[in-house]
Amino acid sequence: MELKTARLTLLIDPNKKAAFERLCAQLDLTASQVVRRMIRDFLAQHGVSYVPSGEDEDTADAAPLPRAPKRKPATTPAPAPKNRRSSRT
């Protein structure tokens, strides 16, 4: 069984947290369940495999997670150069 002993602490907007917790309650899920699912999905999406703690690495059936297709990095146009006037007199 996977150990759930590591803690992840993050700061978010209080109103966003309240809305998240209300939605979790409506779906009969805990916030922890949803966050753990999001982390598992994020790891799988990026092709990251891991052996759950509590399982022996040598005997675990840790098949690699399917690799997600590579995405092109987001490109943003370079900022236009600023006109700097020389203050020489």
C-alpha atoms as a PDB file:
ATOM      1  CA  MET A   1       0.000   0.000   0.000  1.00  0.00           C
ATOM      2  CA  GLU A   2       1.217   3.477  -0.858  1.00  0.00           C
ATOM      3  CA  LEU A   3       2.426   5.524   2.123  1.00  0.00           C
ATOM      4  CA  LYS A   4       0.862   8.945   2.556  1.00  0.00           C
ATOM      5  CA  THR A   5       3.267  10.535   4.994  1.00  0.00           C
ATOM      6  CA  ALA A   6       4.849  13.391   2.988  1.00  0.00           C
ATOM      7  CA  ARG A   7       3.272  16.811   3.318  1.00  0.00           C
ATOM      8  CA  LEU A   8       2.877  19.404   0.565  1.00  0.00           C
ATOM      9  CA  THR A   9       2.208  22.934   1.782  1.00  0.00           C
ATOM     10  CA  LEU A  10       1.176  25.700  -0.583  1.00  0.00           C
ATOM     11  CA  LEU A  11      -0.358  29.127  -0.348  1.00  0.00           C
ATOM     12  CA  ILE A  12      -3.421  29.980  -2.423  1.00  0.00           C
ATOM     13  CA  ASP A  13      -6.094  32.628  -2.420  1.00  0.00           C
ATOM     14  CA  PRO A  14      -8.564  31.980   0.432  1.00  0.00           C
ATOM     15  CA  ASN A  15     -11.597  32.378  -1.856  1.00  0.00           C
ATOM     16  CA  LYS A  16     -10.124  29.916  -4.356  1.00  0.00           C
ATOM     17  CA  LYS A  17      -9.498  27.436  -1.521  1.00  0.00           C
ATOM     18  CA  ALA A  18     -13.068  27.787  -0.270  1.00  0.00           C
ATOM     19  CA  ALA A  19     -14.487  27.268  -3.769  1.00  0.00           C
ATOM     20  CA  PHE A  20     -12.237  24.217  -4.257  1.00  0.00           C
ATOM     21  CA  GLU A  21     -13.318  22.703  -0.946  1.00  0.00           C
ATOM     22  CA  ARG A  22     -17.022  23.315  -1.731  1.00  0.00           C
ATOM     23  CA  LEU A  23     -16.649  21.605  -5.106  1.00  0.00           C
ATOM     24  CA  CYS A  24     -14.801  18.666  -3.537  1.00  0.00           C
ATOM     25  CA  ALA A  25     -17.592  18.278  -0.977  1.00  0.00           C
ATOM     26  CA  GLN A  26     -20.235  18.376  -3.732  1.00  0.00           C
ATOM     27  CA  LEU A  27     -18.353  15.589  -5.515  1.00  0.00           C
ATOM     28  CA  ASP A  28     -18.018  13.618  -2.245  1.00  0.00           C
ATOM     29  CA  LEU A  29     -14.215  13.820  -2.450  1.00  0.00           C
ATOM     30  CA  THR A  30     -11.638  15.215  -0.094  1.00  0.00           C
ATOM     31  CA  ALA A  31      -9.290  17.965  -1.224  1.00  0.00           C
ATOM     32  CA  SER A  32      -6.403  15.543  -0.637  1.00  0.00           C
ATOM     33  CA  GLN A  33      -7.940  12.940  -2.953  1.00  0.00           C
ATOM     34  CA  VAL A  34      -8.324  15.498  -5.730  1.00  0.00           C
ATOM     35  CA  VAL A  35      -4.798  16.880  -5.330  1.00  0.00           C
ATOM     36  CA  ARG A  36      -3.287  13.367  -5.290  1.00  0.00           C
ATOM     37  CA  ARG A  37      -5.223  12.545  -8.484  1.00  0.00           C
ATOM     38  CA  MET A  38      -3.997  15.765 -10.134  1.00  0.00           C
ATOM     39  CA  ILE A  39      -0.390  14.934  -9.222  1.00  0.00           C
ATOM     40  CA  ARG A  40      -0.717  11.361 -10.589  1.00  0.00           C
ATOM     41  CA  ASP A  41      -2.248  12.687 -13.823  1.00  0.00           C
ATOM     42  CA  PHE A  42       0.444  15.374 -14.157  1.00  0.00           C
ATOM     43  CA  LEU A  43       3.232  12.806 -13.709  1.00  0.00           C
ATOM     44  CA  ALA A  44       1.625  10.495 -16.271  1.00  0.00           C
ATOM     45  CA  GLN A  45       1.109  13.349 -18.716  1.00  0.00           C
ATOM     46  CA  HIS A  46       4.840  14.074 -18.606  1.00  0.00           C
ATOM     47  CA  GLY A  47       5.940  10.441 -18.713  1.00  0.00           C
ATOM     48  CA  VAL A  48       7.367  10.381 -15.191  1.00  0.00           C
ATOM     49  CA  SER A  49       7.333   7.003 -13.474  1.00  0.00           C
ATOM     50  CA  TYR A  50       7.867   6.307  -9.797  1.00  0.00           C
ATOM     51  CA  VAL A  51       7.648   3.450  -7.355  1.00  0.00           C
ATOM     52  CA  PRO A  52       5.100   4.251  -4.645  1.00  0.00           C
ATOM     53  CA  SER A  53       6.677   4.387  -1.197  1.00  0.00           C
ATOM     54  CA  GLY A  54       5.900   1.324   0.834  1.00  0.00           C
ATOM     55  CA  GLU A  55       6.738  -0.933  -2.113  1.00  0.00           C
ATOM     56  CA  ASP A  56      10.146  -2.484  -2.694  1.00  0.00           C
ATOM     57  CA  GLU A  57      11.746  -1.105  -5.865  1.00  0.00           C
ATOM     58  CA  ASP A  58      13.118  -4.540  -6.784  1.00  0.00           C
ATOM     59  CA  THR A  59       9.781  -6.327  -6.543  1.00  0.00           C
ATOM     60  CA  ALA A  60       7.335  -3.576  -7.490  1.00  0.00           C
ATOM     61  CA  ASP A  61       5.453  -3.896 -10.726  1.00  0.00           C
ATOM     62  CA  ALA A  62       6.220  -0.289 -11.564  1.00  0.00           C
ATOM     63  CA  ALA A  63       5.647  -0.242 -15.254  1.00  0.00           C
ATOM     64  CA  PRO A  64       6.651   3.090 -16.695  1.00  0.00           C
ATOM     65  CA  LEU A  65       3.763   5.435 -17.178  1.00  0.00           C
ATOM     66  CA  PRO A  66       2.847   6.157 -20.805  1.00  0.00           C
ATOM     67  CA  ARG A  67       4.779   9.074 -22.220  1.00  0.00           C
ATOM     68  CA  ALA A  68       2.773  12.102 -23.146  1.00  0.00           C
ATOM     69  CA  PRO A  69       3.498  13.643 -26.543  1.00  0.00           C
ATOM     70  CA  LYS A  70       6.138  16.347 -26.411  1.00  0.00           C
ATOM     71  CA  ARG A  71       4.681  19.799 -26.513  1.00  0.00           C
ATOM     72  CA  LYS A  72       6.397  22.735 -28.095  1.00  0.00           C
ATOM     73  CA  PRO A  73       7.414  25.262 -25.489  1.00  0.00           C
ATOM     74  CA  ALA A  74       5.211  28.300 -25.355  1.00  0.00           C
ATOM     75  CA  THR A  75       6.805  31.130 -27.224  1.00  0.00           C
ATOM     76  CA  THR A  76       6.190  34.714 -26.481  1.00  0.00           C
ATOM     77  CA  PRO A  77       7.403  37.499 -28.677  1.00  0.00           C
ATOM     78  CA  ALA A  78      10.457  39.292 -27.392  1.00  0.00           C
ATOM     79  CA  PRO A  79       9.696  42.689 -25.943  1.00  0.00           C
ATOM     80  CA  ALA A  80      10.390  45.587 -28.242  1.00  0.00           C
ATOM     81  CA  PRO A  81      13.596  47.428 -27.415  1.00  0.00           C
ATOM     82  CA  LYS A  82      13.047  50.543 -25.400  1.00  0.00           C
ATOM     83  CA  ASN A  83      14.145  53.807 -26.878  1.00  0.00           C
ATOM     84  CA  ARG A  84      16.718  55.211 -24.541  1.00  0.00           C
ATOM     85  CA  ARG A  85      17.777  58.709 -25.110  1.00  0.00           C
ATOM     86  CA  SER A  86      21.259  59.609 -24.222  1.00  0.00           C
ATOM     87  CA  SER A  87      21.498  62.256 -21.564  1.00  0.00           C
ATOM     88  CA  ARG A  88      24.857  63.504 -22.813  1.00  0.00           C
ATOM     89  CA  THR A  89      25.142  67.236 -23.260  1.00  0.00           C
END
